[in-house]
Amino acid sequence: MAELANCSKCGRLFVKLSPRDVCESCYQEEERQFERVYAFLRRRENRMATMAQVVEATGVEEKLIIKWIRAGRLQLVHFPNLGYPCDSCGAMIREGRLCAKCLGQLQADLRRAEGEKEKEARSRRATYYIQDDQER
């Protein structure tokens, strides 16, 4: 079922039929910008461009380029100097949502939390309570 939503770019009300978060006119503008970026990167001499160089040469916002990378529209395999920020610390990465350092920290935190949970469960099982009938 279709739902009404406000365009995240211009704020206009539109009928949201797909996972897009922008209205049709803003979507068309994004597509024109994508073609500009892709045409720039397709040229052999520009394949080694960094994010800053792409933004400067095309005039397209960095967050829009990052959106296309995360959506899989720009394959980083072909562009070795492009990346996007880690969701946690902002370091430039080429895959996933977290850099290796943040991922390792998250995994260590999860292992520590599970260890504490197991320790708590063991201490509950090992505790025995005896009711003394003589005290009643």
C-alpha atoms as a PDB file:
ATOM      1  CA  MET A   1       0.000   0.000   0.000  1.00  0.00           C
ATOM      2  CA  ALA A   2       1.240   3.470  -0.860  1.00  0.00           C
ATOM      3  CA  GLU A   3       1.884   5.983   1.878  1.00  0.00           C
ATOM      4  CA  LEU A   4       2.438   9.720   1.988  1.00  0.00           C
ATOM      5  CA  ALA A   5       5.859  11.015   2.889  1.00  0.00           C
ATOM      6  CA  ASN A   6       7.788  14.259   2.808  1.00  0.00           C
ATOM      7  CA  CYS A   7      10.724  14.448   0.429  1.00  0.00           C
ATOM      8  CA  SER A   8      13.942  14.418   2.463  1.00  0.00           C
ATOM      9  CA  LYS A   9      15.508  16.882   0.028  1.00  0.00           C
ATOM     10  CA  CYS A  10      12.853  19.504  -0.774  1.00  0.00           C
ATOM     11  CA  GLY A  11      10.165  18.725   1.815  1.00  0.00           C
ATOM     12  CA  ARG A  12       7.339  18.269  -0.720  1.00  0.00           C
ATOM     13  CA  LEU A  13       4.645  15.737   0.001  1.00  0.00           C
ATOM     14  CA  PHE A  14       4.701  12.699  -2.312  1.00  0.00           C
ATOM     15  CA  VAL A  15       3.253   9.204  -2.570  1.00  0.00           C
ATOM     16  CA  LYS A  16       5.939   6.777  -1.486  1.00  0.00           C
ATOM     17  CA  LEU A  17       5.712   3.667  -3.660  1.00  0.00           C
ATOM     18  CA  SER A  18       9.313   2.500  -3.407  1.00  0.00           C
ATOM     19  CA  PRO A  19      12.123   2.637  -0.855  1.00  0.00           C
ATOM     20  CA  ARG A  20      13.129   6.063  -2.226  1.00  0.00           C
ATOM     21  CA  ASP A  21      13.099   8.894   0.291  1.00  0.00           C
ATOM     22  CA  VAL A  22      12.811  11.679  -2.289  1.00  0.00           C
ATOM     23  CA  CYS A  23      10.052  12.884  -4.599  1.00  0.00           C
ATOM     24  CA  GLU A  24      10.097  12.183  -8.331  1.00  0.00           C
ATOM     25  CA  SER A  25      11.611  15.542  -9.334  1.00  0.00           C
ATOM     26  CA  CYS A  26      14.413  15.246  -6.743  1.00  0.00           C
ATOM     27  CA  TYR A  27      14.984  11.646  -7.844  1.00  0.00           C
ATOM     28  CA  GLN A  28      15.416  12.783 -11.445  1.00  0.00           C
ATOM     29  CA  GLU A  29      17.924  15.419 -10.290  1.00  0.00           C
ATOM     30  CA  GLU A  30      19.819  12.765  -8.281  1.00  0.00           C
ATOM     31  CA  GLU A  31      19.935  10.560 -11.387  1.00  0.00           C
ATOM     32  CA  ARG A  32      21.423  13.419 -13.445  1.00  0.00           C
ATOM     33  CA  GLN A  33      24.040  13.942 -10.742  1.00  0.00           C
ATOM     34  CA  PHE A  34      24.772  10.193 -10.639  1.00  0.00           C
ATOM     35  CA  GLU A  35      25.363  10.191 -14.381  1.00  0.00           C
ATOM     36  CA  ARG A  36      27.753  13.135 -13.979  1.00  0.00           C
ATOM     37  CA  VAL A  37      29.729  11.330 -11.250  1.00  0.00           C
ATOM     38  CA  TYR A  38      29.748   8.013 -13.088  1.00  0.00           C
ATOM     39  CA  ALA A  39      30.866   9.637 -16.343  1.00  0.00           C
ATOM     40  CA  PHE A  40      33.710  11.330 -14.444  1.00  0.00           C
ATOM     41  CA  LEU A  41      34.819   8.093 -12.768  1.00  0.00           C
ATOM     42  CA  ARG A  42      34.492   6.047 -15.946  1.00  0.00           C
ATOM     43  CA  ARG A  43      37.331   7.953 -17.592  1.00  0.00           C
ATOM     44  CA  ARG A  44      40.592   6.062 -17.143  1.00  0.00           C
ATOM     45  CA  GLU A  45      42.505   9.063 -15.779  1.00  0.00           C
ATOM     46  CA  ASN A  46      39.895   9.641 -13.045  1.00  0.00           C
ATOM     47  CA  ARG A  47      39.606   6.109 -11.650  1.00  0.00           C
ATOM     48  CA  MET A  48      42.197   6.866  -8.976  1.00  0.00           C
ATOM     49  CA  ALA A  49      40.371  10.015  -7.817  1.00  0.00           C
ATOM     50  CA  THR A  50      39.691  10.557  -4.122  1.00  0.00           C
ATOM     51  CA  MET A  51      36.302  11.548  -2.747  1.00  0.00           C
ATOM     52  CA  ALA A  52      37.369  15.197  -2.482  1.00  0.00           C
ATOM     53  CA  GLN A  53      38.504  15.226  -6.109  1.00  0.00           C
ATOM     54  CA  VAL A  54      35.208  13.706  -7.292  1.00  0.00           C
ATOM     55  CA  VAL A  55      33.185  16.243  -5.302  1.00  0.00           C
ATOM     56  CA  GLU A  56      35.278  19.137  -6.624  1.00  0.00           C
ATOM     57  CA  ALA A  57      35.171  17.996 -10.256  1.00  0.00           C
ATOM     58  CA  THR A  58      31.458  17.133 -10.402  1.00  0.00           C
ATOM     59  CA  GLY A  59      29.904  19.502  -7.856  1.00  0.00           C
ATOM     60  CA  VAL A  60      27.914  16.633  -6.322  1.00  0.00           C
ATOM     61  CA  GLU A  61      27.595  16.442  -2.519  1.00  0.00           C
ATOM     62  CA  GLU A  62      29.752  13.875  -0.743  1.00  0.00           C
ATOM     63  CA  LYS A  63      26.801  12.436   1.192  1.00  0.00           C
ATOM     64  CA  LEU A  64      25.015  11.677  -2.092  1.00  0.00           C
ATOM     65  CA  ILE A  65      28.074   9.849  -3.443  1.00  0.00           C
ATOM     66  CA  ILE A  66      28.290   7.884  -0.181  1.00  0.00           C
ATOM     67  CA  LYS A  67      24.598   7.002  -0.536  1.00  0.00           C
ATOM     68  CA  TRP A  68      25.300   5.535  -3.996  1.00  0.00           C
ATOM     69  CA  ILE A  69      28.316   3.598  -2.719  1.00  0.00           C
ATOM     70  CA  ARG A  70      26.297   2.084   0.146  1.00  0.00           C
ATOM     71  CA  ALA A  71      23.456   1.253  -2.244  1.00  0.00           C
ATOM     72  CA  GLY A  72      25.955  -0.585  -4.461  1.00  0.00           C
ATOM     73  CA  ARG A  73      25.527   1.712  -7.452  1.00  0.00           C
ATOM     74  CA  LEU A  74      29.227   2.657  -7.386  1.00  0.00           C
ATOM     75  CA  GLN A  75      31.443  -0.405  -6.967  1.00  0.00           C
ATOM     76  CA  LEU A  76      34.564   0.443  -4.966  1.00  0.00           C
ATOM     77  CA  VAL A  77      36.446  -2.430  -6.595  1.00  0.00           C
ATOM     78  CA  HIS A  78      36.836  -0.224  -9.659  1.00  0.00           C
ATOM     79  CA  PHE A  79      37.750   2.931  -7.716  1.00  0.00           C
ATOM     80  CA  PRO A  80      40.530   2.163  -5.193  1.00  0.00           C
ATOM     81  CA  ASN A  81      40.765   5.642  -3.628  1.00  0.00           C
ATOM     82  CA  LEU A  82      37.068   6.016  -2.805  1.00  0.00           C
ATOM     83  CA  GLY A  83      35.548   5.041   0.517  1.00  0.00           C
ATOM     84  CA  TYR A  84      32.906   6.073   3.014  1.00  0.00           C
ATOM     85  CA  PRO A  85      32.949   6.826   6.755  1.00  0.00           C
ATOM     86  CA  CYS A  86      32.623   4.196   9.489  1.00  0.00           C
ATOM     87  CA  ASP A  87      29.261   4.547  11.251  1.00  0.00           C
ATOM     88  CA  SER A  88      30.983   4.668  14.626  1.00  0.00           C
ATOM     89  CA  CYS A  89      34.226   6.668  14.364  1.00  0.00           C
ATOM     90  CA  GLY A  90      34.131   8.178  10.871  1.00  0.00           C
ATOM     91  CA  ALA A  91      37.313   6.531   9.570  1.00  0.00           C
ATOM     92  CA  MET A  92      37.254   5.831   5.822  1.00  0.00           C
ATOM     93  CA  ILE A  93      36.288   2.236   4.981  1.00  0.00           C
ATOM     94  CA  ARG A  94      35.548   0.305   1.813  1.00  0.00           C
ATOM     95  CA  GLU A  95      33.108  -2.355   3.028  1.00  0.00           C
ATOM     96  CA  GLY A  96      30.601  -2.976   5.783  1.00  0.00           C
ATOM     97  CA  ARG A  97      29.366  -0.355   8.203  1.00  0.00           C
ATOM     98  CA  LEU A  98      32.210  -0.385  10.771  1.00  0.00           C
ATOM     99  CA  CYS A  99      35.990  -0.159  10.482  1.00  0.00           C
ATOM    100  CA  ALA A 100      38.129  -3.052  11.746  1.00  0.00           C
ATOM    101  CA  LYS A 101      38.948  -1.228  15.001  1.00  0.00           C
ATOM    102  CA  CYS A 102      35.304  -0.466  15.874  1.00  0.00           C
ATOM    103  CA  LEU A 103      34.198  -3.952  14.832  1.00  0.00           C
ATOM    104  CA  GLY A 104      36.848  -5.522  17.070  1.00  0.00           C
ATOM    105  CA  GLN A 105      35.776  -3.298  19.977  1.00  0.00           C
ATOM    106  CA  LEU A 106      32.120  -4.224  19.444  1.00  0.00           C
ATOM    107  CA  GLN A 107      32.958  -7.944  19.343  1.00  0.00           C
ATOM    108  CA  ALA A 108      35.055  -7.638  22.525  1.00  0.00           C
ATOM    109  CA  ASP A 109      32.189  -5.831  24.270  1.00  0.00           C
ATOM    110  CA  LEU A 110      29.759  -8.559  23.207  1.00  0.00           C
ATOM    111  CA  ARG A 111      32.089 -11.322  24.454  1.00  0.00           C
ATOM    112  CA  ARG A 112      32.513  -9.498  27.771  1.00  0.00           C
ATOM    113  CA  ALA A 113      28.742  -9.067  28.157  1.00  0.00           C
ATOM    114  CA  GLU A 114      28.114 -12.744  27.370  1.00  0.00           C
ATOM    115  CA  GLY A 115      30.810 -13.766  29.861  1.00  0.00           C
ATOM    116  CA  GLU A 116      29.183 -11.651  32.572  1.00  0.00           C
ATOM    117  CA  LYS A 117      25.789 -13.134  31.732  1.00  0.00           C
ATOM    118  CA  GLU A 118      27.153 -16.691  31.990  1.00  0.00           C
ATOM    119  CA  LYS A 119      28.930 -15.867  35.250  1.00  0.00           C
ATOM    120  CA  GLU A 120      25.691 -14.500  36.676  1.00  0.00           C
ATOM    121  CA  ALA A 121      23.774 -17.587  35.539  1.00  0.00           C
ATOM    122  CA  ARG A 122      26.391 -19.898  37.166  1.00  0.00           C
ATOM    123  CA  SER A 123      26.242 -18.005  40.443  1.00  0.00           C
ATOM    124  CA  ARG A 124      22.458 -18.352  40.533  1.00  0.00           C
ATOM    125  CA  ARG A 125      22.653 -22.104  39.966  1.00  0.00           C
ATOM    126  CA  ALA A 126      25.297 -22.615  42.641  1.00  0.00           C
ATOM    127  CA  THR A 127      23.415 -20.791  45.384  1.00  0.00           C
ATOM    128  CA  TYR A 128      21.453 -22.996  47.763  1.00  0.00           C
ATOM    129  CA  TYR A 129      19.128 -21.709  50.421  1.00  0.00           C
ATOM    130  CA  ILE A 130      18.321 -23.862  53.443  1.00  0.00           C
ATOM    131  CA  GLN A 131      15.457 -23.103  55.694  1.00  0.00           C
ATOM    132  CA  ASP A 132      16.104 -24.026  59.272  1.00  0.00           C
ATOM    133  CA  ASP A 133      12.985 -25.564  60.825  1.00  0.00           C
ATOM    134  CA  GLN A 134      14.160 -24.827  64.380  1.00  0.00           C
ATOM    135  CA  GLU A 135      14.024 -21.047  63.919  1.00  0.00           C
ATOM    136  CA  ARG A 136      10.274 -21.057  63.243  1.00  0.00           C
END
